[in-house]
N, C-alpha and C. Protein backbone atom coordinates (compact mmCIF):
# COMPACT_ATOMS: atom_id res chain seq x y z
N MET A 1 -36.61 -11.15 -115.50
CA MET A 1 -36.19 -12.63 -115.37
C MET A 1 -37.33 -13.35 -115.36
N SER A 2 -37.47 -14.56 -115.84
CA SER A 2 -38.58 -15.46 -115.99
C SER A 2 -38.61 -16.59 -115.02
N ARG A 3 -37.21 -16.83 -114.73
CA ARG A 3 -37.30 -17.98 -113.87
C ARG A 3 -35.87 -18.20 -113.21
N LEU A 4 -35.84 -18.92 -112.13
CA LEU A 4 -34.43 -19.04 -111.49
C LEU A 4 -34.27 -20.50 -111.41
N ASP A 5 -32.87 -20.64 -111.96
CA ASP A 5 -32.49 -22.06 -112.18
C ASP A 5 -31.94 -22.50 -110.71
N ALA A 6 -31.44 -23.81 -110.69
CA ALA A 6 -30.98 -24.42 -109.51
C ALA A 6 -29.72 -23.63 -109.06
N ALA A 7 -28.73 -23.18 -109.98
CA ALA A 7 -27.62 -22.52 -109.53
C ALA A 7 -28.01 -21.24 -108.65
N ASP A 8 -29.12 -20.40 -109.64
CA ASP A 8 -29.60 -19.15 -108.84
C ASP A 8 -30.07 -19.44 -107.40
N LEU A 9 -31.01 -20.31 -107.37
CA LEU A 9 -31.65 -20.88 -106.03
C LEU A 9 -30.40 -21.21 -105.21
N ALA A 10 -29.34 -21.77 -105.34
CA ALA A 10 -28.21 -22.00 -104.33
C ALA A 10 -27.65 -20.89 -104.10
N ALA A 11 -27.25 -20.09 -104.93
CA ALA A 11 -26.46 -18.85 -104.71
C ALA A 11 -27.34 -17.80 -103.95
N LEU A 12 -28.46 -17.77 -103.94
CA LEU A 12 -29.37 -17.05 -103.07
C LEU A 12 -29.44 -17.39 -101.88
N ARG A 13 -29.46 -18.69 -101.82
CA ARG A 13 -29.59 -19.51 -100.29
C ARG A 13 -28.23 -19.07 -99.64
N ALA A 14 -27.15 -19.50 -100.43
CA ALA A 14 -25.97 -18.92 -99.93
C ALA A 14 -25.56 -17.54 -99.48
N LEU A 15 -26.30 -16.48 -100.13
CA LEU A 15 -26.15 -15.28 -99.77
C LEU A 15 -26.73 -14.96 -98.37
N SER A 16 -27.94 -15.42 -98.12
CA SER A 16 -28.46 -15.56 -96.83
C SER A 16 -27.71 -16.11 -95.82
N GLU A 17 -27.08 -17.42 -96.10
CA GLU A 17 -26.32 -17.76 -94.96
C GLU A 17 -25.05 -17.06 -94.83
N THR A 18 -24.40 -16.54 -95.85
CA THR A 18 -23.16 -15.70 -95.55
C THR A 18 -23.50 -14.57 -94.81
N TYR A 19 -24.82 -13.82 -95.24
CA TYR A 19 -25.13 -12.88 -94.30
C TYR A 19 -25.12 -13.00 -92.66
N ALA A 20 -25.58 -14.37 -92.60
CA ALA A 20 -25.89 -14.78 -90.91
C ALA A 20 -24.61 -15.16 -90.39
N ALA A 21 -23.62 -15.86 -91.31
CA ALA A 21 -22.31 -16.03 -90.90
C ALA A 21 -21.79 -14.87 -90.48
N ALA A 22 -21.61 -13.79 -91.32
CA ALA A 22 -20.91 -12.51 -91.28
C ALA A 22 -21.48 -12.10 -89.79
N ALA A 23 -22.54 -11.75 -89.81
CA ALA A 23 -23.18 -11.10 -88.50
C ALA A 23 -22.51 -11.85 -87.31
N ASP A 24 -22.52 -12.93 -87.22
CA ASP A 24 -22.37 -13.92 -85.95
C ASP A 24 -20.76 -13.57 -85.71
N ASP A 25 -19.92 -13.54 -86.94
CA ASP A 25 -18.56 -13.11 -86.65
C ASP A 25 -18.14 -11.64 -86.59
N ARG A 26 -19.40 -10.96 -86.47
CA ARG A 26 -19.12 -9.39 -86.32
C ARG A 26 -18.31 -8.90 -87.40
N ASP A 27 -18.26 -9.18 -88.67
CA ASP A 27 -17.66 -8.87 -89.68
C ASP A 27 -18.71 -7.87 -90.54
N ALA A 28 -18.81 -6.69 -90.05
CA ALA A 28 -19.85 -5.77 -90.68
C ALA A 28 -19.49 -5.49 -92.00
N ALA A 29 -18.05 -5.33 -92.28
CA ALA A 29 -17.74 -5.03 -93.76
C ALA A 29 -18.20 -6.18 -94.78
N ALA A 30 -18.12 -7.38 -94.15
CA ALA A 30 -18.51 -8.47 -95.00
C ALA A 30 -20.07 -8.47 -95.36
N VAL A 31 -20.69 -8.03 -94.25
CA VAL A 31 -22.31 -8.00 -94.39
C VAL A 31 -22.44 -6.66 -95.49
N GLY A 32 -21.92 -5.81 -95.24
CA GLY A 32 -22.15 -4.45 -96.23
C GLY A 32 -21.93 -5.04 -97.75
N ALA A 33 -20.62 -5.69 -97.88
CA ALA A 33 -20.42 -6.25 -99.01
C ALA A 33 -21.21 -7.05 -99.93
N LEU A 34 -22.25 -7.53 -99.26
CA LEU A 34 -23.36 -8.58 -99.73
C LEU A 34 -24.47 -7.54 -100.59
N PHE A 35 -24.33 -6.20 -100.18
CA PHE A 35 -25.54 -5.39 -100.75
C PHE A 35 -25.02 -4.60 -101.81
N VAL A 36 -25.81 -4.16 -102.86
CA VAL A 36 -25.26 -3.48 -104.12
C VAL A 36 -24.98 -1.96 -103.28
N PRO A 37 -24.00 -1.09 -103.92
CA PRO A 37 -23.73 0.06 -103.16
C PRO A 37 -24.74 0.90 -102.72
N ASP A 38 -25.97 1.04 -103.09
CA ASP A 38 -26.99 1.65 -102.65
C ASP A 38 -27.99 0.88 -101.89
N GLY A 39 -27.64 -0.27 -101.74
CA GLY A 39 -28.59 -1.13 -100.91
C GLY A 39 -29.39 -0.71 -99.77
N VAL A 40 -30.36 -1.31 -99.42
CA VAL A 40 -31.20 -0.46 -97.99
C VAL A 40 -31.20 -2.23 -97.12
N LEU A 41 -31.11 -1.74 -95.98
CA LEU A 41 -31.28 -2.71 -94.66
C LEU A 41 -32.37 -1.78 -93.92
N VAL A 42 -33.45 -2.55 -93.61
CA VAL A 42 -34.56 -1.99 -92.85
C VAL A 42 -34.84 -2.87 -91.83
N VAL A 43 -34.33 -2.35 -90.65
CA VAL A 43 -34.57 -3.23 -89.17
C VAL A 43 -35.65 -2.62 -88.24
N PRO A 44 -36.19 -3.50 -87.52
CA PRO A 44 -37.22 -3.25 -86.33
C PRO A 44 -36.59 -2.65 -85.33
N ASP A 45 -37.34 -1.88 -84.54
CA ASP A 45 -36.82 -1.23 -83.27
C ASP A 45 -37.32 -1.58 -82.11
N PRO A 46 -36.77 -3.14 -81.65
CA PRO A 46 -37.70 -3.77 -80.67
C PRO A 46 -37.48 -3.10 -79.11
N PRO A 47 -38.29 -3.11 -78.10
CA PRO A 47 -39.42 -3.94 -78.44
C PRO A 47 -40.84 -3.05 -78.94
N ALA A 48 -40.59 -1.76 -79.30
CA ALA A 48 -41.57 -0.93 -79.67
C ALA A 48 -42.24 -1.19 -80.98
N HIS A 49 -41.15 -1.46 -82.10
CA HIS A 49 -41.40 -1.82 -83.37
C HIS A 49 -41.04 -3.28 -83.83
N LEU A 50 -41.73 -4.14 -83.92
CA LEU A 50 -41.30 -5.39 -84.45
C LEU A 50 -41.07 -5.45 -86.00
N ALA A 51 -41.92 -4.65 -86.42
CA ALA A 51 -41.84 -4.53 -87.96
C ALA A 51 -40.60 -3.88 -88.61
N PRO A 52 -40.32 -3.79 -89.83
CA PRO A 52 -39.22 -2.97 -90.21
C PRO A 52 -39.57 -1.45 -89.79
N HIS A 53 -38.66 -0.88 -89.36
CA HIS A 53 -38.81 0.50 -89.04
C HIS A 53 -37.82 1.63 -89.30
N VAL A 54 -36.63 1.21 -89.09
CA VAL A 54 -35.47 2.22 -89.37
C VAL A 54 -34.62 1.55 -90.78
N SER A 55 -34.53 2.68 -91.66
CA SER A 55 -33.69 2.22 -92.96
C SER A 55 -32.35 2.80 -92.80
N HIS A 56 -31.55 1.84 -93.30
CA HIS A 56 -29.93 2.15 -93.46
C HIS A 56 -29.70 2.22 -94.94
N VAL A 57 -29.30 3.15 -95.64
CA VAL A 57 -29.25 3.12 -97.14
C VAL A 57 -27.91 3.22 -97.54
N GLY A 58 -27.26 2.32 -98.27
CA GLY A 58 -25.87 2.25 -98.64
C GLY A 58 -25.12 1.66 -98.00
N ARG A 59 -24.03 1.05 -98.50
CA ARG A 59 -23.12 0.05 -97.93
C ARG A 59 -22.62 0.46 -96.59
N PRO A 60 -22.09 1.96 -96.25
CA PRO A 60 -21.49 2.31 -95.08
C PRO A 60 -22.73 2.48 -93.90
N ALA A 61 -23.90 2.70 -94.40
CA ALA A 61 -24.94 2.60 -93.34
C ALA A 61 -25.45 1.17 -93.05
N VAL A 62 -25.13 0.32 -93.78
CA VAL A 62 -25.55 -0.99 -93.52
C VAL A 62 -24.31 -1.59 -92.54
N VAL A 63 -22.99 -1.35 -92.53
CA VAL A 63 -21.88 -1.60 -91.86
C VAL A 63 -22.35 -0.94 -90.34
N ALA A 64 -22.48 0.31 -90.58
CA ALA A 64 -22.90 0.76 -89.18
C ALA A 64 -24.15 0.35 -88.49
N ALA A 65 -25.05 -0.12 -89.27
CA ALA A 65 -26.37 -0.81 -88.29
C ALA A 65 -25.85 -2.01 -87.63
N LEU A 66 -24.84 -2.76 -88.27
CA LEU A 66 -24.26 -4.01 -87.52
C LEU A 66 -23.85 -3.69 -86.30
N GLY A 67 -23.35 -2.32 -85.93
CA GLY A 67 -23.08 -2.09 -84.75
C GLY A 67 -23.73 -2.46 -83.41
N ALA A 68 -25.16 -2.57 -83.80
CA ALA A 68 -26.10 -2.97 -82.74
C ALA A 68 -25.77 -4.16 -82.05
N LEU A 69 -24.95 -5.14 -82.71
CA LEU A 69 -24.44 -6.36 -82.23
C LEU A 69 -23.69 -6.25 -81.21
N ALA A 70 -22.94 -5.00 -81.02
CA ALA A 70 -21.91 -4.65 -79.99
C ALA A 70 -22.33 -5.13 -78.49
N GLY A 71 -23.91 -5.02 -78.38
CA GLY A 71 -24.21 -5.25 -76.88
C GLY A 71 -24.44 -6.49 -76.44
N THR A 72 -24.17 -7.29 -77.28
CA THR A 72 -24.23 -8.96 -77.30
C THR A 72 -22.92 -9.61 -76.93
N LEU A 73 -23.00 -10.72 -76.14
CA LEU A 73 -21.70 -11.37 -76.29
C LEU A 73 -21.25 -12.25 -77.38
N ALA A 74 -22.39 -12.70 -77.98
CA ALA A 74 -22.36 -13.70 -79.09
C ALA A 74 -23.67 -13.63 -79.68
N THR A 75 -23.74 -13.98 -80.99
CA THR A 75 -25.08 -14.46 -81.61
C THR A 75 -24.83 -15.41 -82.49
N THR A 76 -26.14 -15.99 -82.75
CA THR A 76 -26.21 -17.18 -83.91
C THR A 76 -27.62 -16.98 -84.49
N HIS A 77 -27.21 -16.86 -85.66
CA HIS A 77 -28.33 -16.69 -86.97
C HIS A 77 -28.57 -17.78 -87.54
N VAL A 78 -29.57 -18.21 -87.66
CA VAL A 78 -30.04 -19.81 -88.15
C VAL A 78 -31.20 -19.38 -89.34
N VAL A 79 -30.90 -19.93 -90.67
CA VAL A 79 -31.44 -19.56 -91.65
C VAL A 79 -32.34 -21.03 -91.91
N ALA A 80 -33.69 -20.88 -91.58
CA ALA A 80 -34.36 -22.16 -91.34
C ALA A 80 -35.37 -22.47 -92.83
N GLY A 81 -35.57 -21.65 -93.31
CA GLY A 81 -36.14 -21.81 -94.79
C GLY A 81 -36.36 -20.50 -95.67
N ALA A 82 -36.27 -20.81 -97.05
CA ALA A 82 -36.53 -19.55 -97.91
C ALA A 82 -37.20 -20.07 -99.08
N ARG A 83 -37.69 -18.97 -99.64
CA ARG A 83 -38.60 -19.15 -101.09
C ARG A 83 -38.11 -17.82 -101.79
N TYR A 84 -37.69 -18.10 -102.93
CA TYR A 84 -37.24 -17.31 -103.91
C TYR A 84 -37.93 -16.97 -105.24
N LEU A 85 -38.27 -15.97 -105.64
CA LEU A 85 -39.15 -15.79 -106.97
C LEU A 85 -38.52 -14.83 -107.80
N PRO A 86 -38.50 -15.09 -109.26
CA PRO A 86 -37.87 -14.24 -110.16
C PRO A 86 -38.84 -12.89 -110.18
N THR A 87 -38.16 -11.86 -110.34
CA THR A 87 -38.88 -10.63 -110.65
C THR A 87 -38.14 -9.99 -112.14
N PRO A 88 -38.76 -8.89 -112.59
CA PRO A 88 -38.03 -8.33 -113.78
C PRO A 88 -36.89 -7.80 -113.55
N ALA A 89 -36.44 -7.34 -112.43
CA ALA A 89 -35.19 -6.93 -112.09
C ALA A 89 -34.31 -7.66 -111.40
N GLY A 90 -34.61 -8.89 -111.20
CA GLY A 90 -33.90 -9.98 -110.39
C GLY A 90 -34.38 -10.94 -109.74
N ALA A 91 -34.68 -10.88 -108.37
CA ALA A 91 -35.46 -12.00 -107.67
C ALA A 91 -35.93 -11.12 -106.47
N ARG A 92 -36.89 -11.69 -105.66
CA ARG A 92 -37.29 -11.65 -104.39
C ARG A 92 -37.44 -12.53 -103.55
N GLY A 93 -37.44 -12.56 -102.09
CA GLY A 93 -37.37 -13.87 -101.44
C GLY A 93 -37.93 -13.32 -100.06
N ARG A 94 -38.46 -14.32 -99.37
CA ARG A 94 -38.61 -14.49 -98.02
C ARG A 94 -37.86 -15.57 -97.49
N VAL A 95 -37.12 -15.18 -96.20
CA VAL A 95 -36.16 -16.09 -95.66
C VAL A 95 -36.62 -16.04 -94.25
N ARG A 96 -36.84 -17.15 -93.81
CA ARG A 96 -37.10 -17.21 -92.25
C ARG A 96 -35.91 -17.90 -91.44
N GLY A 97 -36.12 -17.44 -90.05
CA GLY A 97 -35.17 -18.04 -89.25
C GLY A 97 -35.31 -17.52 -87.80
N THR A 98 -34.26 -17.57 -87.05
CA THR A 98 -34.07 -17.33 -85.70
C THR A 98 -32.57 -16.76 -85.73
N ALA A 99 -32.81 -15.54 -84.74
CA ALA A 99 -31.68 -14.93 -84.14
C ALA A 99 -31.31 -15.00 -82.68
N HIS A 100 -30.49 -15.68 -82.16
CA HIS A 100 -30.01 -15.82 -80.81
C HIS A 100 -29.21 -14.83 -80.38
N HIS A 101 -29.51 -14.02 -79.37
CA HIS A 101 -28.44 -13.08 -78.81
C HIS A 101 -28.09 -13.36 -77.38
N LEU A 102 -27.00 -13.58 -77.03
CA LEU A 102 -26.26 -13.90 -76.00
C LEU A 102 -26.01 -12.82 -75.17
N LEU A 103 -26.88 -12.40 -73.95
CA LEU A 103 -26.75 -11.39 -73.13
C LEU A 103 -26.50 -11.64 -71.95
N PRO A 104 -25.50 -10.59 -71.22
CA PRO A 104 -25.06 -10.47 -69.90
C PRO A 104 -26.14 -10.11 -69.13
N GLY A 105 -26.10 -10.72 -67.76
CA GLY A 105 -27.18 -10.19 -66.63
C GLY A 105 -26.86 -10.39 -65.14
N ARG A 106 -27.22 -9.70 -64.52
CA ARG A 106 -26.78 -9.82 -63.13
C ARG A 106 -26.95 -11.01 -62.47
N GLU A 107 -28.10 -11.76 -62.90
CA GLU A 107 -28.37 -13.09 -62.55
C GLU A 107 -28.18 -14.25 -63.37
N GLY A 108 -27.07 -13.94 -64.23
CA GLY A 108 -26.73 -15.06 -65.22
C GLY A 108 -26.94 -14.37 -66.66
N HIS A 109 -26.61 -15.24 -67.70
CA HIS A 109 -26.86 -14.87 -68.98
C HIS A 109 -28.15 -15.41 -69.60
N SER A 110 -28.69 -14.62 -70.54
CA SER A 110 -29.89 -15.14 -71.18
C SER A 110 -29.68 -14.95 -72.67
N ASP A 111 -30.77 -15.77 -73.37
CA ASP A 111 -30.53 -15.79 -74.99
C ASP A 111 -31.96 -15.02 -75.27
N LEU A 112 -31.92 -14.03 -75.84
CA LEU A 112 -32.91 -13.18 -76.37
C LEU A 112 -33.02 -13.78 -78.02
N VAL A 113 -34.28 -14.45 -78.22
CA VAL A 113 -34.34 -15.12 -79.31
C VAL A 113 -35.38 -14.19 -80.20
N TRP A 114 -35.16 -14.00 -81.39
CA TRP A 114 -35.85 -13.45 -82.38
C TRP A 114 -36.24 -14.43 -83.31
N PHE A 115 -37.67 -14.67 -83.57
CA PHE A 115 -38.27 -15.53 -84.59
C PHE A 115 -38.64 -14.47 -85.54
N LEU A 116 -37.90 -14.68 -86.70
CA LEU A 116 -38.04 -13.63 -87.78
C LEU A 116 -38.23 -14.13 -89.08
N HIS A 117 -38.26 -13.11 -90.03
CA HIS A 117 -38.30 -13.32 -91.40
C HIS A 117 -37.76 -12.04 -91.98
N TYR A 118 -37.03 -12.24 -93.34
CA TYR A 118 -36.41 -11.11 -94.00
C TYR A 118 -37.18 -11.19 -95.61
N ASP A 119 -37.72 -9.95 -95.76
CA ASP A 119 -38.20 -9.82 -97.15
C ASP A 119 -37.30 -9.20 -97.94
N ASP A 120 -36.68 -9.82 -98.87
CA ASP A 120 -35.45 -9.43 -99.54
C ASP A 120 -35.75 -9.27 -101.10
N GLU A 121 -34.87 -8.32 -101.56
CA GLU A 121 -34.99 -8.22 -103.13
C GLU A 121 -33.44 -8.04 -103.56
N TYR A 122 -33.42 -8.82 -104.72
CA TYR A 122 -31.94 -9.22 -105.00
C TYR A 122 -31.61 -8.71 -106.35
N ALA A 123 -30.29 -8.52 -106.94
CA ALA A 123 -30.21 -8.22 -108.26
C ALA A 123 -28.95 -8.82 -108.39
N ARG A 124 -28.48 -9.35 -109.77
CA ARG A 124 -27.56 -9.97 -110.10
C ARG A 124 -26.43 -9.04 -110.32
N THR A 125 -25.19 -9.30 -109.91
CA THR A 125 -24.32 -8.06 -110.17
C THR A 125 -23.18 -8.94 -111.09
N ASP A 126 -21.90 -8.11 -111.25
CA ASP A 126 -20.81 -8.79 -111.73
C ASP A 126 -20.09 -9.98 -110.84
N GLU A 127 -20.30 -9.68 -109.55
CA GLU A 127 -19.61 -10.49 -108.53
C GLU A 127 -20.83 -11.63 -108.19
N GLY A 128 -21.85 -11.53 -108.65
CA GLY A 128 -23.05 -12.65 -108.24
C GLY A 128 -24.27 -11.80 -107.78
N TRP A 129 -25.18 -12.54 -107.12
CA TRP A 129 -26.27 -12.08 -106.58
C TRP A 129 -25.90 -11.32 -105.31
N ALA A 130 -26.69 -9.90 -105.04
CA ALA A 130 -26.41 -9.13 -103.90
C ALA A 130 -27.82 -8.61 -103.59
N PHE A 131 -27.84 -8.24 -102.24
CA PHE A 131 -29.16 -7.60 -101.86
C PHE A 131 -29.50 -6.33 -102.43
N THR A 132 -30.44 -5.86 -102.69
CA THR A 132 -30.89 -4.48 -103.03
C THR A 132 -31.59 -3.76 -101.99
N ARG A 133 -32.44 -4.81 -101.31
CA ARG A 133 -33.29 -4.39 -100.06
C ARG A 133 -33.49 -5.52 -99.09
N ARG A 134 -33.20 -5.61 -97.96
CA ARG A 134 -33.51 -6.38 -97.03
C ARG A 134 -34.30 -5.93 -95.69
N ALA A 135 -35.41 -6.23 -95.33
CA ALA A 135 -36.41 -5.68 -94.47
C ALA A 135 -36.40 -6.82 -93.37
N VAL A 136 -36.14 -6.62 -92.23
CA VAL A 136 -36.38 -7.49 -91.23
C VAL A 136 -37.77 -7.36 -90.24
N THR A 137 -38.29 -8.38 -90.12
CA THR A 137 -39.44 -8.34 -89.26
C THR A 137 -39.47 -9.45 -88.17
N ILE A 138 -39.54 -9.20 -86.92
CA ILE A 138 -39.55 -9.98 -85.97
C ILE A 138 -40.93 -10.46 -85.70
N ASN A 139 -41.03 -11.59 -85.75
CA ASN A 139 -42.62 -12.25 -85.38
C ASN A 139 -42.95 -12.40 -84.04
N TRP A 140 -41.72 -13.03 -83.29
CA TRP A 140 -42.04 -12.81 -81.85
C TRP A 140 -40.67 -13.06 -81.15
N ILE A 141 -40.71 -12.58 -80.06
CA ILE A 141 -39.46 -12.61 -79.16
C ILE A 141 -39.83 -13.53 -77.95
N GLU A 142 -38.68 -14.39 -77.58
CA GLU A 142 -38.43 -15.05 -76.26
C GLU A 142 -37.43 -14.86 -75.56
N ARG A 143 -37.23 -14.81 -74.48
CA ARG A 143 -35.88 -14.61 -73.53
C ARG A 143 -35.83 -15.84 -72.44
N HIS A 144 -34.75 -16.32 -72.68
CA HIS A 144 -34.47 -17.48 -71.80
C HIS A 144 -33.34 -17.55 -70.93
N ARG A 145 -33.05 -17.97 -69.83
CA ARG A 145 -31.72 -18.18 -69.22
C ARG A 145 -31.36 -19.23 -69.62
N VAL A 146 -29.78 -18.94 -69.62
CA VAL A 146 -28.87 -20.28 -70.34
C VAL A 146 -27.53 -20.30 -69.43
N SER A 147 -27.04 -21.41 -69.78
CA SER A 147 -25.78 -21.83 -69.36
C SER A 147 -24.79 -21.70 -70.31
N VAL A 148 -23.47 -21.05 -70.19
CA VAL A 148 -22.59 -21.09 -71.37
C VAL A 148 -21.46 -21.61 -71.03
N THR A 149 -20.65 -21.83 -72.00
CA THR A 149 -19.22 -22.30 -71.75
C THR A 149 -18.36 -20.75 -71.57
N ARG A 150 -17.20 -21.34 -71.24
CA ARG A 150 -16.45 -20.26 -71.09
C ARG A 150 -16.14 -19.39 -72.22
N ALA A 151 -15.85 -20.05 -73.48
CA ALA A 151 -15.51 -19.49 -74.76
C ALA A 151 -16.90 -18.70 -75.14
N ASP A 152 -18.02 -19.27 -74.88
CA ASP A 152 -19.29 -18.14 -75.32
C ASP A 152 -19.15 -17.06 -74.44
N GLU A 153 -18.81 -17.11 -73.22
CA GLU A 153 -18.98 -15.97 -72.28
C GLU A 153 -18.01 -15.00 -72.75
N GLU A 154 -16.92 -15.56 -73.23
CA GLU A 154 -15.79 -14.34 -73.93
C GLU A 154 -15.87 -14.17 -75.33
N GLY A 155 -17.06 -14.47 -75.65
CA GLY A 155 -17.53 -14.10 -77.17
C GLY A 155 -16.60 -14.72 -78.32
N ALA A 156 -16.35 -15.83 -78.07
CA ALA A 156 -15.72 -16.63 -79.13
C ALA A 156 -16.50 -16.72 -80.44
N GLY A 157 -15.91 -17.00 -81.41
CA GLY A 157 -16.52 -17.04 -82.71
C GLY A 157 -16.71 -15.61 -83.49
N ARG A 158 -16.38 -14.81 -82.65
CA ARG A 158 -16.26 -13.41 -83.53
C ARG A 158 -15.19 -13.13 -84.28
């Protein structure tokens, strides 16, 4: 592929935003459907490994990987910026953002914030663009005490 047109760029951005929204909604099946059948999700293992470390190969494994969010009360993934480039097989991209994880605690709730980027590879399928590989790198982590509404505390938005 020699270039990406405006429609491709919009569709790739929508793919990243759909991933974020589905993760926040705890819709692991929807996240899995964004990958080609043999797609790969490579995630870190914080705090020991902030770079991509654990590979999940195939849609069922990607779906299972989203189970890691079960330990949070809620999440908010924010897509802050992205760059997409054509490749012979489709496209590649780097997507930057943050992932907020609302966690319970004995002394109150906290927000575990990952400042991260995704290194992605994409293929055009009959259904549109899909991830062939998504590798998550955490650039740094912050943790803050927070006040929450009752709805957030009960995990609303899932």
